[in-house]
Protein backbone atom coordinates (compact mmCIF):
# COMPACT_ATOMS: atom_id res chain seq x y z
CA MET A 1 0.00 0.00 0.00
CA GLU A 2 1.36 3.40 -0.97
CA THR A 3 1.12 6.50 1.21
CA ILE A 4 -2.24 8.27 1.12
CA HIS A 5 -2.25 12.07 1.33
CA LYS A 6 -5.40 13.90 2.49
CA ILE A 7 -6.26 17.40 3.71
CA GLY A 8 -8.67 18.39 6.49
CA ARG A 9 -9.77 21.86 7.54
CA ARG A 10 -11.54 23.38 10.55
CA LYS A 11 -11.92 27.14 11.14
CA THR A 12 -8.51 28.47 10.05
CA ALA A 13 -6.57 25.26 10.77
CA VAL A 14 -5.31 23.18 7.84
CA ALA A 15 -4.01 19.63 8.33
CA ARG A 16 -2.17 17.54 5.75
CA ILE A 17 -1.82 13.87 6.71
CA TYR A 18 0.19 11.06 5.20
CA LEU A 19 -1.27 7.65 6.08
CA SER A 20 0.69 4.45 5.45
CA GLU A 21 0.74 0.91 6.81
CA GLY A 22 2.65 0.59 10.05
CA LYS A 23 2.54 0.00 13.79
CA GLY A 24 0.19 2.83 14.80
CA ASN A 25 2.65 5.72 15.25
CA VAL A 26 0.92 9.12 15.08
CA THR A 27 3.16 12.18 14.73
CA VAL A 28 1.99 15.79 14.49
CA ASN A 29 4.55 18.38 13.27
CA ASN A 30 7.39 15.91 13.97
CA LYS A 31 6.26 15.35 17.59
CA ASP A 32 4.30 12.50 19.11
CA TYR A 33 0.59 13.37 19.14
CA LYS A 34 0.43 12.94 22.95
CA GLU A 35 3.19 15.52 23.31
CA TYR A 36 1.59 17.96 20.81
CA PHE A 37 -1.99 17.60 22.14
CA SER A 38 -1.71 17.51 25.93
CA THR A 39 -5.38 16.96 26.88
CA ASP A 40 -7.13 13.60 26.71
CA THR A 41 -10.08 15.09 24.80
CA LEU A 42 -7.90 16.23 21.90
CA GLN A 43 -6.04 12.90 21.83
CA TYR A 44 -9.41 11.10 21.70
CA LYS A 45 -10.57 13.31 18.81
CA ILE A 46 -7.54 12.38 16.72
CA LEU A 47 -7.95 8.63 17.28
CA GLN A 48 -11.76 8.64 16.97
CA PRO A 49 -11.91 7.58 13.27
CA LEU A 50 -9.39 4.80 13.91
CA THR A 51 -11.31 3.44 16.91
CA LEU A 52 -14.65 3.49 15.09
CA THR A 53 -13.22 1.55 12.14
CA GLU A 54 -11.15 -0.71 14.46
CA ASN A 55 -7.85 0.25 12.79
CA ILE A 56 -5.82 1.28 15.84
CA GLY A 57 -2.26 0.08 15.38
CA ALA A 58 -2.72 -0.67 11.67
CA PHE A 59 -1.51 2.62 10.18
CA ASP A 60 1.27 5.16 10.72
CA ILE A 61 0.10 8.76 10.43
CA LYS A 62 2.30 11.80 9.85
CA ALA A 63 0.43 15.09 10.13
CA LYS A 64 1.53 18.61 9.28
CA VAL A 65 -0.87 21.16 10.72
CA PHE A 66 -0.84 24.96 10.86
CA GLY A 67 -3.20 27.83 11.64
CA GLY A 68 -5.96 28.09 14.21
CA GLY A 69 -5.87 26.80 17.76
CA VAL A 70 -5.28 23.34 19.17
CA THR A 71 -8.95 22.27 19.05
CA GLY A 72 -9.34 23.36 15.43
CA GLN A 73 -6.10 21.59 14.54
CA ALA A 74 -7.21 18.35 16.22
CA GLU A 75 -10.56 18.41 14.39
CA ALA A 76 -8.81 19.16 11.08
CA ILE A 77 -6.58 16.10 11.58
CA ARG A 78 -9.66 14.01 12.47
CA LEU A 79 -11.37 14.99 9.21
CA ALA A 80 -8.27 14.21 7.15
CA ILE A 81 -7.86 10.77 8.79
CA SER A 82 -11.55 10.00 8.19
CA ARG A 83 -11.20 10.91 4.50
CA ALA A 84 -8.10 8.71 4.18
CA LEU A 85 -9.84 5.72 5.79
CA VAL A 86 -12.75 6.05 3.33
CA THR A 87 -10.21 6.06 0.46
CA ILE A 88 -8.73 2.80 1.77
CA ASP A 89 -12.07 1.03 2.23
CA GLU A 90 -15.41 2.45 1.09
CA GLU A 91 -17.23 0.43 3.81
CA ASN A 92 -15.69 2.78 6.41
CA ARG A 93 -18.04 5.52 5.15
CA GLY A 94 -21.00 3.77 6.79
CA LEU A 95 -19.17 3.72 10.13
CA LEU A 96 -17.89 7.31 10.07
CA LYS A 97 -20.77 9.24 8.50
CA PRO A 98 -23.36 8.75 11.32
CA ASP A 99 -20.94 10.36 13.80
CA GLY A 100 -20.39 13.33 11.47
CA LEU A 101 -16.70 12.65 10.92
CA LEU A 102 -16.86 13.16 7.15
CA THR A 103 -18.59 16.55 7.32
CA ARG A 104 -16.49 19.70 6.93
CA ASP A 105 -17.64 22.10 9.67
CA PRO A 106 -18.24 25.40 7.81
CA ARG A 107 -18.46 27.64 10.89
CA MET A 108 -15.89 30.44 10.81
CA VAL A 109 -15.31 33.54 12.93
CA GLU A 110 -17.52 36.40 11.77
CA ARG A 111 -15.58 39.48 10.72
CA LYS A 112 -15.58 42.71 12.72
CA LYS A 113 -17.61 45.49 11.10
CA PHE A 114 -16.56 49.14 11.07
CA GLY A 115 -18.47 51.41 13.45
CA GLN A 116 -18.94 48.50 15.86
CA LYS A 117 -16.95 47.16 18.79
CA LYS A 118 -16.89 43.53 17.55
CA ALA A 119 -18.72 41.49 14.92
CA ARG A 120 -22.15 42.08 16.46
CA LYS A 121 -21.51 44.10 19.62
CA LYS A 122 -22.11 47.83 19.20
CA PHE A 123 -20.54 50.77 20.98
CA GLN A 124 -22.49 51.95 24.02
CA PHE A 125 -25.42 54.19 23.02
CA SER A 126 -25.89 57.47 24.85
CA LYS A 127 -29.28 59.14 24.57
CA ARG A 128 -28.13 62.49 26.02
């Protein structure tokens, strides 16, 4: 099996993953994923597609991720891994789609408008 390259995005985070057969090593930006993502929740998010398809320990994953915060980066990696697993075996789609792991989350930060304090918050109004 050759290396599969997929891209995942979330907010402003972009993740490029390279999935190949191996022993289950997951590296993010040349660090172990447990070192890069310190909380258990983020580590769970990254391995979620592998646990659902029962592929833990079957593939080596190298991820390059930039932009956004740690949560956005973890969810971008999750989307990229899910897309790669569907490329390997189309039956994985039925396992991943009900949990929403193949859906690109389109929510982005709304831009700040001129004449306002933030995107929707206005400056304080003074009647007199």
